[in-house]
Amino acid sequence: MEFELKGQEYRAVKLDVFDQFRVSRKLLPAVAGVFEELKSGEITLVALLPQVAEAVAAMSDADCDAILHPCLSVVSRKNGKIWTAVFQDGVMMFDDIDMLGMLELVGNVLRDSLGDFFPVPLASEIADLPAV
């Protein structure tokens, strides 16, 4: 998958099935409470953001890293004529990628790699959220 973020071109491959499993295992507790409410169609993801934010805030640093690191490790950025990994050995390789940009990169990987696993309203509503 290729996409653009803040004028930069990015490319990401899907997480392998083992990383998909590990990432979803860490992510599910943070979002499990919203699945039924989203399926009902009576509430939107935007309305549930405080609940999701609270669940994410309660995650340990290790659990956050278990989601962020595999997702970032499959992303490359066009750097001149070559593609360069954005994340290697626990370090972001580009200083201009801020926290919100990092989260958008991760979100793109999650949508591409886990979109079939999560309920359709979750994937579609995230895609419709305004870019930051």
N, C-alpha and C. Protein backbone atom coordinates (compact mmCIF):
# COMPACT_ATOMS: atom_id res chain seq x y z
N MET A 1 0.85 -1.16 0.00
CA MET A 1 0.00 0.00 0.00
C MET A 1 0.90 1.23 0.00
N GLU A 2 0.54 2.21 -0.81
CA GLU A 2 1.26 3.47 -0.82
C GLU A 2 0.29 4.59 -0.44
N PHE A 3 0.80 5.59 0.26
CA PHE A 3 -0.02 6.71 0.69
C PHE A 3 0.87 7.92 0.92
N GLU A 4 0.24 9.08 1.03
CA GLU A 4 0.98 10.32 1.25
C GLU A 4 0.59 10.90 2.60
N LEU A 5 1.57 11.45 3.28
CA LEU A 5 1.35 12.09 4.58
C LEU A 5 2.24 13.31 4.65
N LYS A 6 1.64 14.46 4.82
CA LYS A 6 2.37 15.73 4.93
C LYS A 6 3.38 15.91 3.79
N GLY A 7 2.94 15.61 2.59
CA GLY A 7 3.76 15.82 1.41
C GLY A 7 4.84 14.76 1.17
N GLN A 8 4.90 13.74 1.99
CA GLN A 8 5.89 12.67 1.83
C GLN A 8 5.19 11.41 1.34
N GLU A 9 5.86 10.66 0.50
CA GLU A 9 5.32 9.40 0.00
C GLU A 9 5.79 8.25 0.90
N TYR A 10 4.83 7.40 1.28
CA TYR A 10 5.12 6.25 2.12
C TYR A 10 4.63 4.98 1.45
N ARG A 11 5.25 3.90 1.82
CA ARG A 11 4.86 2.57 1.36
C ARG A 11 4.88 1.65 2.59
N ALA A 12 3.86 0.83 2.70
CA ALA A 12 3.81 -0.12 3.81
C ALA A 12 3.35 -1.47 3.28
N VAL A 13 3.97 -2.51 3.80
CA VAL A 13 3.52 -3.86 3.49
C VAL A 13 2.67 -4.33 4.67
N LYS A 14 1.87 -5.35 4.43
CA LYS A 14 1.06 -5.89 5.53
C LYS A 14 1.96 -6.56 6.55
N LEU A 15 1.51 -6.51 7.80
CA LEU A 15 2.18 -7.27 8.85
C LEU A 15 2.06 -8.75 8.52
N ASP A 16 3.08 -9.53 8.85
CA ASP A 16 2.93 -10.97 8.64
C ASP A 16 1.90 -11.50 9.64
N VAL A 17 1.41 -12.70 9.42
CA VAL A 17 0.30 -13.21 10.24
C VAL A 17 0.64 -13.30 11.72
N PHE A 18 1.89 -13.56 12.04
CA PHE A 18 2.27 -13.65 13.46
C PHE A 18 2.25 -12.27 14.11
N ASP A 19 2.75 -11.25 13.40
CA ASP A 19 2.68 -9.89 13.93
C ASP A 19 1.23 -9.41 13.97
N GLN A 20 0.41 -9.80 12.98
CA GLN A 20 -1.01 -9.46 13.03
C GLN A 20 -1.64 -10.01 14.31
N PHE A 21 -1.32 -11.25 14.62
CA PHE A 21 -1.88 -11.87 15.82
C PHE A 21 -1.40 -11.15 17.07
N ARG A 22 -0.08 -10.89 17.15
CA ARG A 22 0.47 -10.24 18.35
C ARG A 22 -0.08 -8.83 18.53
N VAL A 23 -0.15 -8.07 17.45
CA VAL A 23 -0.65 -6.70 17.54
C VAL A 23 -2.13 -6.71 17.92
N SER A 24 -2.93 -7.56 17.27
CA SER A 24 -4.35 -7.59 17.60
C SER A 24 -4.58 -8.04 19.04
N ARG A 25 -3.73 -8.94 19.54
CA ARG A 25 -3.85 -9.40 20.92
C ARG A 25 -3.64 -8.24 21.91
N LYS A 26 -2.75 -7.32 21.58
CA LYS A 26 -2.50 -6.16 22.45
C LYS A 26 -3.54 -5.07 22.24
N LEU A 27 -4.05 -4.95 21.02
CA LEU A 27 -4.98 -3.89 20.69
C LEU A 27 -6.41 -4.19 21.14
N LEU A 28 -6.80 -5.45 21.09
CA LEU A 28 -8.18 -5.82 21.41
C LEU A 28 -8.66 -5.36 22.78
N PRO A 29 -7.87 -5.52 23.85
CA PRO A 29 -8.38 -5.05 25.14
C PRO A 29 -8.67 -3.55 25.16
N ALA A 30 -7.95 -2.78 24.36
CA ALA A 30 -8.16 -1.34 24.35
C ALA A 30 -9.43 -0.94 23.60
N VAL A 31 -9.88 -1.78 22.67
CA VAL A 31 -11.04 -1.40 21.85
C VAL A 31 -12.22 -2.36 21.97
N ALA A 32 -12.06 -3.42 22.73
CA ALA A 32 -13.12 -4.43 22.81
C ALA A 32 -14.45 -3.86 23.30
N GLY A 33 -14.41 -2.94 24.23
CA GLY A 33 -15.64 -2.39 24.77
C GLY A 33 -16.46 -1.59 23.78
N VAL A 34 -15.85 -1.15 22.71
CA VAL A 34 -16.59 -0.32 21.75
C VAL A 34 -17.22 -1.13 20.63
N PHE A 35 -16.82 -2.38 20.44
CA PHE A 35 -17.30 -3.16 19.30
C PHE A 35 -18.82 -3.29 19.28
N GLU A 36 -19.42 -3.70 20.37
CA GLU A 36 -20.87 -3.91 20.38
C GLU A 36 -21.62 -2.61 20.15
N GLU A 37 -21.12 -1.54 20.76
CA GLU A 37 -21.79 -0.25 20.57
C GLU A 37 -21.70 0.21 19.13
N LEU A 38 -20.58 -0.02 18.47
CA LEU A 38 -20.44 0.35 17.07
C LEU A 38 -21.33 -0.49 16.17
N LYS A 39 -21.42 -1.79 16.49
CA LYS A 39 -22.26 -2.68 15.68
C LYS A 39 -23.72 -2.27 15.74
N SER A 40 -24.15 -1.73 16.87
CA SER A 40 -25.56 -1.34 17.02
C SER A 40 -25.91 -0.19 16.09
N GLY A 41 -24.90 0.58 15.68
CA GLY A 41 -25.13 1.71 14.80
C GLY A 41 -25.71 2.92 15.51
N GLU A 42 -25.88 2.82 16.82
CA GLU A 42 -26.47 3.92 17.57
C GLU A 42 -25.43 4.90 18.10
N ILE A 43 -24.17 4.56 17.95
CA ILE A 43 -23.11 5.43 18.45
C ILE A 43 -21.97 5.42 17.43
N THR A 44 -21.26 6.52 17.35
CA THR A 44 -20.16 6.62 16.40
C THR A 44 -18.82 6.46 17.11
N LEU A 45 -17.81 6.18 16.31
CA LEU A 45 -16.46 6.06 16.88
C LEU A 45 -16.03 7.36 17.53
N VAL A 46 -16.38 8.48 16.93
CA VAL A 46 -16.01 9.78 17.50
C VAL A 46 -16.58 9.92 18.91
N ALA A 47 -17.81 9.47 19.12
CA ALA A 47 -18.43 9.54 20.45
C ALA A 47 -17.73 8.63 21.44
N LEU A 48 -17.10 7.58 20.92
CA LEU A 48 -16.42 6.62 21.80
C LEU A 48 -14.95 6.94 22.03
N LEU A 49 -14.43 7.98 21.38
CA LEU A 49 -13.01 8.29 21.52
C LEU A 49 -12.55 8.47 22.96
N PRO A 50 -13.33 9.12 23.83
CA PRO A 50 -12.86 9.22 25.23
C PRO A 50 -12.67 7.84 25.88
N GLN A 51 -13.57 6.90 25.60
CA GLN A 51 -13.45 5.55 26.15
C GLN A 51 -12.22 4.85 25.59
N VAL A 52 -11.98 4.99 24.28
CA VAL A 52 -10.80 4.38 23.65
C VAL A 52 -9.54 5.03 24.20
N ALA A 53 -9.55 6.37 24.33
CA ALA A 53 -8.38 7.08 24.85
C ALA A 53 -8.04 6.63 26.26
N GLU A 54 -9.06 6.42 27.08
CA GLU A 54 -8.83 5.95 28.45
C GLU A 54 -8.21 4.55 28.46
N ALA A 55 -8.69 3.67 27.58
CA ALA A 55 -8.14 2.32 27.50
C ALA A 55 -6.70 2.34 27.02
N VAL A 56 -6.41 3.19 26.04
CA VAL A 56 -5.04 3.29 25.53
C VAL A 56 -4.12 3.87 26.61
N ALA A 57 -4.61 4.87 27.34
CA ALA A 57 -3.80 5.48 28.41
C ALA A 57 -3.45 4.47 29.49
N ALA A 58 -4.31 3.47 29.69
CA ALA A 58 -4.06 2.46 30.72
C ALA A 58 -3.07 1.38 30.27
N MET A 59 -2.74 1.37 28.97
CA MET A 59 -1.81 0.35 28.47
C MET A 59 -0.39 0.61 28.97
N SER A 60 0.34 -0.45 29.19
CA SER A 60 1.74 -0.31 29.60
C SER A 60 2.58 0.14 28.41
N ASP A 61 3.76 0.68 28.70
CA ASP A 61 4.67 1.06 27.63
C ASP A 61 5.02 -0.14 26.76
N ALA A 62 5.19 -1.29 27.39
CA ALA A 62 5.54 -2.51 26.64
C ALA A 62 4.42 -2.90 25.68
N ASP A 63 3.16 -2.76 26.12
CA ASP A 63 2.03 -3.07 25.25
C ASP A 63 1.94 -2.08 24.10
N CYS A 64 2.18 -0.81 24.38
CA CYS A 64 2.19 0.20 23.31
C CYS A 64 3.28 -0.11 22.29
N ASP A 65 4.47 -0.43 22.78
CA ASP A 65 5.57 -0.78 21.88
C ASP A 65 5.26 -2.02 21.07
N ALA A 66 4.51 -2.96 21.66
CA ALA A 66 4.15 -4.19 20.95
C ALA A 66 3.20 -3.91 19.79
N ILE A 67 2.54 -2.77 19.81
CA ILE A 67 1.69 -2.35 18.70
C ILE A 67 2.46 -1.45 17.74
N LEU A 68 3.12 -0.44 18.29
CA LEU A 68 3.79 0.56 17.45
C LEU A 68 4.97 -0.01 16.67
N HIS A 69 5.84 -0.75 17.32
CA HIS A 69 7.08 -1.20 16.67
C HIS A 69 6.84 -2.09 15.45
N PRO A 70 6.02 -3.13 15.54
CA PRO A 70 5.80 -3.94 14.34
C PRO A 70 5.16 -3.14 13.21
N CYS A 71 4.24 -2.25 13.56
CA CYS A 71 3.58 -1.46 12.52
C CYS A 71 4.56 -0.51 11.84
N LEU A 72 5.37 0.17 12.61
CA LEU A 72 6.33 1.10 12.03
C LEU A 72 7.43 0.38 11.24
N SER A 73 7.72 -0.85 11.63
CA SER A 73 8.82 -1.57 10.96
C SER A 73 8.49 -1.99 9.53
N VAL A 74 7.22 -1.90 9.13
CA VAL A 74 6.85 -2.28 7.76
C VAL A 74 6.62 -1.06 6.87
N VAL A 75 6.97 0.13 7.37
CA VAL A 75 6.76 1.37 6.62
C VAL A 75 8.09 1.91 6.10
N SER A 76 8.07 2.32 4.84
CA SER A 76 9.22 2.97 4.20
C SER A 76 8.78 4.31 3.64
N ARG A 77 9.74 5.23 3.52
CA ARG A 77 9.45 6.55 2.98
C ARG A 77 10.34 6.79 1.77
N LYS A 78 9.75 7.38 0.75
CA LYS A 78 10.53 7.69 -0.44
C LYS A 78 11.50 8.81 -0.09
N ASN A 79 12.76 8.53 -0.30
CA ASN A 79 13.83 9.45 0.05
C ASN A 79 14.66 9.63 -1.22
N GLY A 80 14.32 10.63 -2.00
CA GLY A 80 14.93 10.76 -3.33
C GLY A 80 14.34 9.70 -4.24
N LYS A 81 15.19 8.82 -4.74
CA LYS A 81 14.72 7.75 -5.62
C LYS A 81 14.66 6.40 -4.90
N ILE A 82 15.04 6.37 -3.64
CA ILE A 82 15.04 5.10 -2.90
C ILE A 82 14.01 5.14 -1.78
N TRP A 83 13.61 3.96 -1.31
CA TRP A 83 12.70 3.83 -0.18
C TRP A 83 13.53 3.49 1.06
N THR A 84 13.34 4.26 2.12
CA THR A 84 14.10 4.09 3.36
C THR A 84 13.15 3.74 4.50
N ALA A 85 13.53 2.75 5.30
CA ALA A 85 12.72 2.37 6.46
C ALA A 85 12.57 3.57 7.39
N VAL A 86 11.36 3.76 7.93
CA VAL A 86 11.14 4.88 8.85
C VAL A 86 11.51 4.52 10.28
N PHE A 87 11.68 3.23 10.55
CA PHE A 87 11.92 2.77 11.92
C PHE A 87 12.88 1.59 11.88
N GLN A 88 14.00 1.71 12.58
CA GLN A 88 14.97 0.62 12.66
C GLN A 88 15.58 0.57 14.05
N ASP A 89 15.70 -0.63 14.57
CA ASP A 89 16.34 -0.85 15.88
C ASP A 89 15.78 0.07 16.96
N GLY A 90 14.46 0.26 16.95
CA GLY A 90 13.81 1.06 17.99
C GLY A 90 13.95 2.56 17.82
N VAL A 91 14.38 3.02 16.65
CA VAL A 91 14.62 4.44 16.43
C VAL A 91 13.89 4.91 15.17
N MET A 92 13.20 6.05 15.27
CA MET A 92 12.61 6.68 14.09
C MET A 92 13.75 7.26 13.27
N MET A 93 13.73 7.03 11.98
CA MET A 93 14.83 7.42 11.11
C MET A 93 14.66 8.82 10.51
N PHE A 94 13.51 9.43 10.69
CA PHE A 94 13.26 10.77 10.16
C PHE A 94 12.80 11.67 11.29
N ASP A 95 13.53 12.77 11.51
CA ASP A 95 13.22 13.69 12.61
C ASP A 95 11.93 14.47 12.40
N ASP A 96 11.45 14.55 11.16
CA ASP A 96 10.26 15.35 10.92
C ASP A 96 8.96 14.57 11.14
N ILE A 97 9.05 13.30 11.51
CA ILE A 97 7.85 12.54 11.83
C ILE A 97 7.52 12.78 13.30
N ASP A 98 6.44 13.54 13.51
CA ASP A 98 6.03 13.83 14.88
C ASP A 98 5.10 12.73 15.40
N MET A 99 4.61 12.89 16.62
CA MET A 99 3.78 11.85 17.23
C MET A 99 2.51 11.60 16.43
N LEU A 100 1.82 12.66 16.00
CA LEU A 100 0.59 12.46 15.24
C LEU A 100 0.88 11.80 13.90
N GLY A 101 1.99 12.17 13.27
CA GLY A 101 2.38 11.52 12.02
C GLY A 101 2.68 10.05 12.24
N MET A 102 3.38 9.75 13.34
CA MET A 102 3.68 8.35 13.67
C MET A 102 2.39 7.56 13.85
N LEU A 103 1.43 8.14 14.57
CA LEU A 103 0.16 7.45 14.80
C LEU A 103 -0.62 7.26 13.50
N GLU A 104 -0.51 8.21 12.59
CA GLU A 104 -1.19 8.05 11.30
C GLU A 104 -0.53 6.94 10.48
N LEU A 105 0.80 6.83 10.54
CA LEU A 105 1.49 5.73 9.87
C LEU A 105 1.00 4.39 10.43
N VAL A 106 0.95 4.31 11.75
CA VAL A 106 0.50 3.09 12.41
C VAL A 106 -0.95 2.79 12.04
N GLY A 107 -1.79 3.81 12.02
CA GLY A 107 -3.20 3.62 11.65
C GLY A 107 -3.36 3.07 10.25
N ASN A 108 -2.54 3.54 9.31
CA ASN A 108 -2.59 3.01 7.95
C ASN A 108 -2.22 1.54 7.91
N VAL A 109 -1.20 1.16 8.66
CA VAL A 109 -0.79 -0.25 8.71
C VAL A 109 -1.88 -1.09 9.35
N LEU A 110 -2.46 -0.60 10.45
CA LEU A 110 -3.53 -1.35 11.12
C LEU A 110 -4.73 -1.55 10.20
N ARG A 111 -5.13 -0.50 9.49
CA ARG A 111 -6.26 -0.63 8.56
C ARG A 111 -5.96 -1.67 7.48
N ASP A 112 -4.75 -1.62 6.94
CA ASP A 112 -4.39 -2.53 5.85
C ASP A 112 -4.21 -3.96 6.35
N SER A 113 -3.58 -4.12 7.50
CA SER A 113 -3.25 -5.45 8.00
C SER A 113 -4.36 -6.11 8.81
N LEU A 114 -5.17 -5.31 9.51
CA LEU A 114 -6.17 -5.87 10.41
C LEU A 114 -7.59 -5.46 10.05
N GLY A 115 -7.77 -4.76 8.93
CA GLY A 115 -9.09 -4.27 8.54
C GLY A 115 -10.13 -5.35 8.44
N ASP A 116 -9.75 -6.55 8.02
CA ASP A 116 -10.70 -7.65 7.91
C ASP A 116 -11.05 -8.24 9.27
N PHE A 117 -10.19 -8.03 10.24
CA PHE A 117 -10.39 -8.62 11.56
C PHE A 117 -11.33 -7.80 12.42
N PHE A 118 -11.21 -6.47 12.31
CA PHE A 118 -12.03 -5.57 13.12
C PHE A 118 -13.36 -5.33 12.43
N PRO A 119 -14.39 -4.99 13.19
CA PRO A 119 -15.71 -4.74 12.60
C PRO A 119 -15.65 -3.64 11.54
N VAL A 120 -16.46 -3.76 10.52
CA VAL A 120 -16.48 -2.81 9.42
C VAL A 120 -16.68 -1.37 9.88
N PRO A 121 -17.60 -1.07 10.80
CA PRO A 121 -17.77 0.33 11.20
C PRO A 121 -16.50 0.95 11.76
N LEU A 122 -15.70 0.17 12.48
CA LEU A 122 -14.47 0.70 13.04
C LEU A 122 -13.52 1.13 11.93
N ALA A 123 -13.28 0.26 10.98
CA ALA A 123 -12.35 0.57 9.90
C ALA A 123 -12.86 1.73 9.05
N SER A 124 -14.14 1.74 8.73
CA SER A 124 -14.67 2.80 7.88
C SER A 124 -14.70 4.15 8.60
N GLU A 125 -15.04 4.16 9.87
CA GLU A 125 -15.09 5.42 10.59
C GLU A 125 -13.71 6.00 10.80
N ILE A 126 -12.72 5.16 11.05
CA ILE A 126 -11.36 5.66 11.21
C ILE A 126 -10.91 6.29 9.89
N ALA A 127 -11.21 5.64 8.78
CA ALA A 127 -10.82 6.17 7.47
C ALA A 127 -11.48 7.51 7.21
N ASP A 128 -12.67 7.75 7.77
CA ASP A 128 -13.40 9.00 7.53
C ASP A 128 -13.03 10.11 8.50
N LEU A 129 -12.23 9.82 9.52
CA LEU A 129 -11.83 10.87 10.45
C LEU A 129 -10.97 11.88 9.73
N PRO A 130 -11.05 13.17 10.09
CA PRO A 130 -10.22 14.18 9.42
C PRO A 130 -8.75 13.93 9.70
N ALA A 131 -7.91 14.20 8.69
CA ALA A 131 -6.46 14.07 8.85
C ALA A 131 -5.98 15.13 9.82
N VAL A 132 -4.94 14.80 10.58
CA VAL A 132 -4.41 15.73 11.56
C VAL A 132 -3.25 16.49 10.97
